[in-house]
Protein backbone atom coordinates (compact mmCIF):
# COMPACT_ATOMS: atom_id res chain seq x y z
CA MET A 1 -17.12 7.78 22.84
CA VAL A 2 -16.81 8.46 18.69
CA GLY A 3 -18.07 4.96 17.12
CA PHE A 4 -18.60 2.37 18.29
CA LYS A 5 -17.58 1.19 21.83
CA ALA A 6 -14.41 -1.41 22.36
CA THR A 7 -16.30 -4.59 23.61
CA ASP A 8 -14.58 -7.12 26.70
CA VAL A 9 -13.70 -9.51 24.91
CA PRO A 10 -10.60 -8.80 22.71
CA PRO A 11 -11.03 -9.28 18.65
CA THR A 12 -10.35 -12.46 17.44
CA ALA A 13 -7.60 -13.78 14.73
CA THR A 14 -10.58 -13.86 11.78
CA VAL A 15 -11.92 -10.99 12.74
CA LYS A 16 -8.71 -8.75 11.99
CA PHE A 17 -7.73 -11.04 9.32
CA LEU A 18 -11.59 -10.02 7.35
CA GLY A 19 -11.68 -6.70 8.82
CA ALA A 20 -8.26 -5.75 7.81
CA GLY A 21 -9.15 -7.25 3.90
CA THR A 22 -12.53 -5.41 4.18
CA ALA A 23 -11.07 -1.49 5.42
CA ALA A 24 -8.20 -1.66 3.19
CA CYS A 25 -10.08 -2.21 0.25
CA ILE A 26 -12.72 0.53 1.19
CA ALA A 27 -9.77 2.14 1.66
CA ASP A 28 -8.40 2.07 -1.99
CA LEU A 29 -11.76 2.38 -3.49
CA ILE A 30 -10.94 6.23 -2.63
CA THR A 31 -8.17 6.82 -2.78
CA PHE A 32 -7.19 4.81 -5.47
CA PRO A 33 -7.09 8.07 -7.63
CA LEU A 34 -3.92 9.23 -6.12
CA ASP A 35 -2.33 5.76 -6.41
CA THR A 36 -2.68 6.40 -9.76
CA ALA A 37 -0.99 9.72 -10.34
CA LYS A 38 1.71 8.48 -8.16
CA VAL A 39 2.27 5.39 -10.27
CA ARG A 40 2.48 8.05 -13.64
CA LEU A 41 4.81 10.53 -11.62
CA GLN A 42 7.44 7.54 -10.32
CA ILE A 43 7.64 6.31 -14.28
CA GLN A 44 7.81 9.78 -15.42
CA GLY A 45 11.54 10.04 -17.10
CA GLU A 46 12.59 6.77 -17.11
CA LYS A 47 12.98 6.67 -20.78
CA GLN A 48 15.10 9.56 -20.91
CA GLY A 49 17.92 10.74 -19.22
CA ALA A 50 17.73 13.53 -16.24
CA VAL A 51 18.26 16.81 -19.23
CA ARG A 52 15.64 15.28 -21.90
CA ALA A 53 13.39 13.88 -19.27
CA ALA A 54 12.61 17.75 -17.34
CA THR A 55 12.33 19.41 -20.61
CA CYS A 56 9.25 16.48 -21.61
CA VAL A 57 7.36 16.39 -18.51
CA GLN A 58 4.16 15.43 -18.82
CA TYR A 59 2.70 15.64 -15.62
CA ARG A 60 3.00 18.23 -13.14
CA GLY A 61 2.28 17.39 -9.52
CA VAL A 62 -0.40 15.37 -8.33
CA LEU A 63 -3.67 17.61 -9.82
CA GLY A 64 -1.94 18.02 -12.55
CA THR A 65 -1.56 14.60 -13.20
CA ILE A 66 -5.47 13.74 -12.11
CA LEU A 67 -6.05 17.04 -14.51
CA THR A 68 -4.25 15.68 -17.28
CA MET A 69 -5.31 12.01 -17.39
CA VAL A 70 -9.16 12.99 -17.04
CA ARG A 71 -9.01 15.69 -19.66
CA THR A 72 -6.30 13.56 -22.30
CA GLU A 73 -7.66 9.62 -20.81
CA GLY A 74 -11.48 9.92 -19.00
CA PRO A 75 -12.21 10.14 -15.85
CA ARG A 76 -12.08 6.16 -15.99
CA SER A 77 -8.77 6.29 -16.45
CA LEU A 78 -8.15 7.34 -12.56
CA TYR A 79 -9.45 3.66 -11.56
CA ASN A 80 -6.82 1.90 -13.97
CA GLY A 81 -6.05 -1.37 -12.31
CA LEU A 82 -9.10 -1.54 -9.75
CA VAL A 83 -9.83 -4.65 -10.05
CA ALA A 84 -6.54 -5.77 -9.23
CA GLY A 85 -6.02 -2.84 -6.34
CA LEU A 86 -8.86 -4.51 -4.71
CA GLN A 87 -7.54 -8.46 -5.20
CA ARG A 88 -4.46 -7.20 -3.65
CA GLN A 89 -5.43 -5.33 -1.25
CA MET A 90 -7.97 -8.40 0.00
CA SER A 91 -5.31 -10.91 -0.20
CA PHE A 92 -2.32 -8.46 0.88
CA ALA A 93 -3.41 -6.47 3.62
CA SER A 94 -5.78 -9.80 5.49
CA VAL A 95 -1.85 -10.87 6.19
CA ARG A 96 0.06 -8.35 6.60
CA ILE A 97 -2.16 -6.25 9.05
CA GLY A 98 -4.35 -9.17 10.26
CA LEU A 99 -1.75 -11.17 11.05
CA TYR A 100 0.31 -8.33 13.04
CA ASP A 101 -0.91 -8.62 16.27
CA SER A 102 -0.84 -12.40 16.32
CA VAL A 103 2.63 -12.67 15.16
CA LYS A 104 3.75 -9.77 17.63
CA GLN A 105 2.09 -11.95 20.42
CA PHE A 106 3.90 -15.61 19.33
CA TYR A 107 7.45 -13.28 19.22
CA THR A 108 6.51 -12.30 22.87
CA LYS A 109 5.44 -15.37 23.43
CA GLY A 110 2.18 -13.63 24.66
CA SER A 111 3.41 -10.91 26.74
CA GLU A 112 0.84 -8.17 26.92
CA HIS A 113 4.69 -5.48 27.06
CA ALA A 114 5.87 -5.79 23.06
CA GLY A 115 9.29 -4.32 22.94
CA ILE A 116 9.96 -2.27 19.61
CA GLY A 117 11.95 -5.10 18.81
CA SER A 118 8.95 -7.60 19.05
CA ARG A 119 6.87 -5.08 16.82
CA LEU A 120 8.77 -4.39 14.22
CA LEU A 121 9.68 -7.85 13.87
CA ALA A 122 6.58 -8.36 13.71
CA GLY A 123 6.04 -5.97 10.74
CA SER A 124 8.06 -7.20 8.41
CA THR A 125 7.17 -10.55 8.89
CA THR A 126 3.63 -10.08 7.66
CA GLY A 127 5.09 -8.26 5.31
CA ALA A 128 6.70 -10.18 3.58
CA LEU A 129 4.32 -13.29 4.03
CA ALA A 130 1.74 -10.99 2.17
CA VAL A 131 4.49 -10.57 -0.80
CA ALA A 132 4.57 -13.79 -1.38
CA VAL A 133 0.84 -14.46 -1.18
CA ALA A 134 -0.37 -11.17 -3.16
CA GLN A 135 2.34 -10.49 -5.44
CA PRO A 136 1.02 -11.30 -8.74
CA THR A 137 -2.16 -8.79 -8.82
CA ASP A 138 0.36 -6.46 -7.83
CA VAL A 139 2.41 -6.87 -10.84
CA VAL A 140 -0.69 -6.45 -12.66
CA LYS A 141 -2.10 -2.89 -10.73
CA VAL A 142 1.00 -2.18 -11.53
CA ARG A 143 0.80 -2.36 -14.66
CA PHE A 144 -2.70 -1.26 -15.20
CA GLN A 145 -2.04 1.78 -13.72
CA ALA A 146 1.23 3.10 -16.00
CA GLN A 147 -0.47 2.94 -19.03
CA ALA A 148 -2.02 5.03 -20.94
CA ARG A 149 -5.66 4.72 -22.65
CA ALA A 150 -4.91 7.77 -25.21
CA ALA A 151 -2.96 7.12 -29.08
CA GLY A 152 -3.71 2.82 -28.75
CA SER A 153 -0.79 2.43 -26.25
CA GLN A 154 -2.99 -0.05 -24.04
CA ARG A 155 -1.03 -2.81 -23.57
CA TYR A 156 -4.10 -5.02 -21.75
CA GLN A 157 -7.46 -4.86 -22.38
CA SER A 158 -8.50 -6.38 -18.93
CA THR A 159 -7.73 -8.34 -15.59
CA VAL A 160 -7.64 -11.44 -17.01
CA ASP A 161 -5.77 -10.52 -20.10
CA ALA A 162 -2.98 -9.06 -18.31
CA TYR A 163 -2.78 -12.20 -15.80
CA LYS A 164 -2.40 -14.52 -19.23
CA THR A 165 -0.34 -11.67 -21.21
CA ILE A 166 2.59 -11.41 -18.52
CA ALA A 167 2.12 -15.17 -17.66
CA ARG A 168 2.46 -16.50 -21.83
CA LYS A 169 5.22 -13.04 -22.85
CA GLU A 170 7.61 -13.35 -19.46
CA GLY A 171 6.70 -16.60 -18.40
CA PHE A 172 5.85 -17.58 -14.11
CA ARG A 173 8.41 -15.35 -13.52
CA GLY A 174 6.77 -12.62 -14.73
CA LEU A 175 4.38 -12.36 -12.48
CA TRP A 176 6.77 -11.95 -9.71
CA LYS A 177 8.32 -9.58 -11.24
CA GLY A 178 9.92 -7.42 -8.50
CA THR A 179 9.63 -9.37 -5.34
CA SER A 180 12.79 -8.14 -3.94
CA PRO A 181 12.36 -4.69 -4.23
CA ASN A 182 8.68 -5.94 -3.53
CA ILE A 183 9.06 -7.60 0.17
CA ALA A 184 12.01 -5.15 0.53
CA ARG A 185 9.18 -2.49 0.17
CA ASN A 186 6.69 -4.12 2.15
CA ALA A 187 8.85 -4.93 5.32
CA ILE A 188 10.00 -1.06 5.42
CA VAL A 189 6.31 0.11 5.20
CA ASN A 190 5.05 -1.90 7.48
CA CYS A 191 7.11 -1.78 10.15
CA ALA A 192 7.39 1.89 9.58
CA GLU A 193 3.40 1.96 8.93
CA LEU A 194 2.00 -1.16 12.01
CA VAL A 195 4.66 -0.03 14.23
CA THR A 196 4.36 3.72 14.35
CA TYR A 197 0.62 3.92 14.77
CA ASP A 198 1.16 1.44 17.41
CA LEU A 199 3.78 3.29 19.28
CA ILE A 200 1.51 6.67 18.52
CA LYS A 201 -1.50 5.56 20.39
CA ASP A 202 0.06 3.83 22.74
CA ALA A 203 0.89 7.34 23.57
CA LEU A 204 -1.73 8.81 23.06
CA LEU A 205 -3.97 6.44 25.53
CA LYS A 206 -0.42 6.31 28.17
CA ALA A 207 -0.89 10.06 28.88
CA ASN A 208 -5.01 10.32 29.15
CA LEU A 209 -4.33 12.43 25.37
CA MET A 210 -7.37 10.60 23.94
CA THR A 211 -8.91 8.18 24.89
CA ASP A 212 -9.67 4.76 22.40
CA ASP A 213 -11.89 6.08 19.90
CA LEU A 214 -11.97 7.47 16.39
CA PRO A 215 -10.18 10.88 17.40
CA CYS A 216 -7.45 8.93 18.77
CA HIS A 217 -7.57 6.73 15.72
CA PHE A 218 -7.50 9.63 13.14
CA THR A 219 -4.09 10.85 14.70
CA SER A 220 -2.36 7.85 14.81
CA ALA A 221 -3.18 6.88 11.27
CA PHE A 222 -1.72 9.98 10.25
CA GLY A 223 1.21 10.11 11.57
CA ALA A 224 1.79 6.27 10.90
CA GLY A 225 0.63 7.76 6.52
CA PHE A 226 3.81 10.48 7.21
CA CYS A 227 6.58 8.29 8.63
CA THR A 228 5.78 5.92 6.13
CA THR A 229 6.37 7.93 3.18
CA VAL A 230 9.36 9.90 3.75
CA ILE A 231 10.72 5.80 4.93
CA ALA A 232 9.73 3.94 2.42
CA SER A 233 9.59 6.44 -0.84
CA PRO A 234 12.63 5.44 -2.14
CA VAL A 235 11.92 1.61 -2.57
CA ASP A 236 8.51 2.59 -3.46
CA VAL A 237 9.87 4.30 -6.53
CA VAL A 238 12.53 1.52 -7.94
CA LYS A 239 9.84 -1.42 -7.04
CA THR A 240 7.19 0.78 -9.53
CA ARG A 241 9.70 1.34 -12.02
CA TYR A 242 11.22 -2.73 -12.31
CA MET A 243 7.52 -4.11 -11.93
CA ASN A 244 5.94 -1.66 -14.84
CA SER A 245 9.53 -1.88 -16.72
CA ALA A 246 9.76 -4.92 -19.98
CA LEU A 247 11.27 -7.87 -20.65
CA GLY A 248 15.36 -7.17 -20.38
CA GLN A 249 15.13 -3.11 -19.71
CA TYR A 250 16.48 -4.40 -16.20
CA SER A 251 18.99 -7.00 -15.54
CA SER A 252 17.28 -6.98 -11.57
CA ALA A 253 16.02 -4.19 -9.25
CA GLY A 254 19.93 -3.17 -8.30
CA HIS A 255 20.56 -2.32 -11.98
CA CYS A 256 17.15 -0.20 -11.88
CA ALA A 257 17.91 1.91 -8.62
CA LEU A 258 21.73 2.64 -10.49
CA THR A 259 20.05 3.20 -14.15
CA MET A 260 17.61 5.88 -11.91
CA LEU A 261 20.70 7.33 -9.52
CA GLN A 262 23.25 7.87 -13.38
CA LYS A 263 20.15 9.23 -15.90
CA GLU A 264 17.69 10.71 -12.51
CA GLY A 265 20.16 12.30 -10.45
CA PRO A 266 19.06 11.42 -6.30
CA ARG A 267 15.98 13.32 -7.02
CA ALA A 268 14.47 10.68 -8.88
CA PHE A 269 13.94 8.31 -5.90
CA TYR A 270 11.21 10.70 -4.02
CA LYS A 271 9.37 10.98 -7.51
CA GLY A 272 6.10 11.77 -6.76
CA PHE A 273 6.47 12.30 -3.23
CA MET A 274 3.78 14.03 -2.60
CA PRO A 275 0.84 11.98 -4.07
CA SER A 276 2.46 9.35 -1.98
CA PHE A 277 1.86 11.07 1.44
CA LEU A 278 -1.20 12.29 0.10
CA ARG A 279 -2.40 8.63 -1.07
CA LEU A 280 -0.13 7.17 2.02
CA GLY A 281 -1.73 9.64 5.00
CA SER A 282 -5.35 9.30 4.14
CA TRP A 283 -4.66 5.53 2.88
CA ASN A 284 -3.77 4.99 6.81
CA VAL A 285 -6.52 7.04 8.13
CA VAL A 286 -9.70 5.79 6.32
CA MET A 287 -8.03 1.78 6.67
CA PHE A 288 -7.41 2.11 10.40
CA VAL A 289 -10.32 4.22 11.26
CA THR A 290 -12.82 1.66 9.33
CA TYR A 291 -10.37 -1.31 10.69
CA GLU A 292 -11.11 -0.46 14.25
CA GLN A 293 -14.56 0.18 13.88
CA LEU A 294 -15.08 -3.18 12.39
CA LYS A 295 -13.30 -5.10 14.65
CA ARG A 296 -16.06 -3.65 17.24
CA ALA A 297 -18.67 -3.70 14.97
CA LEU A 298 -17.89 -7.96 14.07
CA MET A 299 -17.37 -8.86 17.83
CA ALA A 300 -20.48 -6.67 19.25
CA SER A 301 -22.14 -8.68 16.39
CA TRP A 302 -20.78 -11.96 17.70
CA ALA A 303 -21.40 -10.88 21.34
CA SER A 304 -25.13 -10.20 20.81
CA ARG A 305 -25.18 -13.78 18.68
CA GLU A 306 -24.18 -15.33 21.86
CA ALA A 307 -26.01 -13.69 24.27
CA PRO A 308 -29.09 -15.68 26.03
CA PHE A 309 -31.98 -13.94 25.69
């Protein structure tokens, strides 16, 4: 057995809720530069047509993007929007991941055997609910990651300034910009991520290929990260473009997607695929492994306090 030993008492909803938010914050701290590189690659070329965009490329590949940002803006630019990112994960992941098992049990009416339909429904529900709670933090995070520090082009000076400026210039609705594509994205991401992790882990355990410990969690999380990237990339690119856009640039998320298709072609929907995969793959591994261990550690700590002397 690698890591903390599983306890006889299953983790409570509170342990899952707090553990998911904490694990997601740890994963964000480690993988945030990859997420920033993904955002820069996704918005690249949105103000030019396909031909001009091809000739005016500022960033090339994951490593090229990171090196260019460090050279022109300094290493701190890789963590633009980190505060908003951590705020987002603490509220967002706590809901979409921490409540997943509880919602799944609700749909199966407490049954131990959850079908794929119940899992997909639970993933969609918690993913959409999380967006309703955490959308403003996501808007601020994306805006910060997209802005360059060089040439005085910063739109916001701090996280608080970003919230205030967006609310003042774009109204309350500005903080909820891109809610529709974000709900669509996170319903898809949650289903692909949590359901895939669930299914891979169950298959490995039922086939006795692995035991319920770190190697099993690592393998399941990596597979979930790849599946999620393939399925969710197009919606993710549209969400990023729309949330980062100036007031009036796009009339809706659908208009944003249509403009991308017309100006840049279908490949634009998979811009930043490699950093997306590197980020989601590594994020899933760190998050799920940390989450599983945190649940066991918290339950072990609770059991030791409850045990009589």
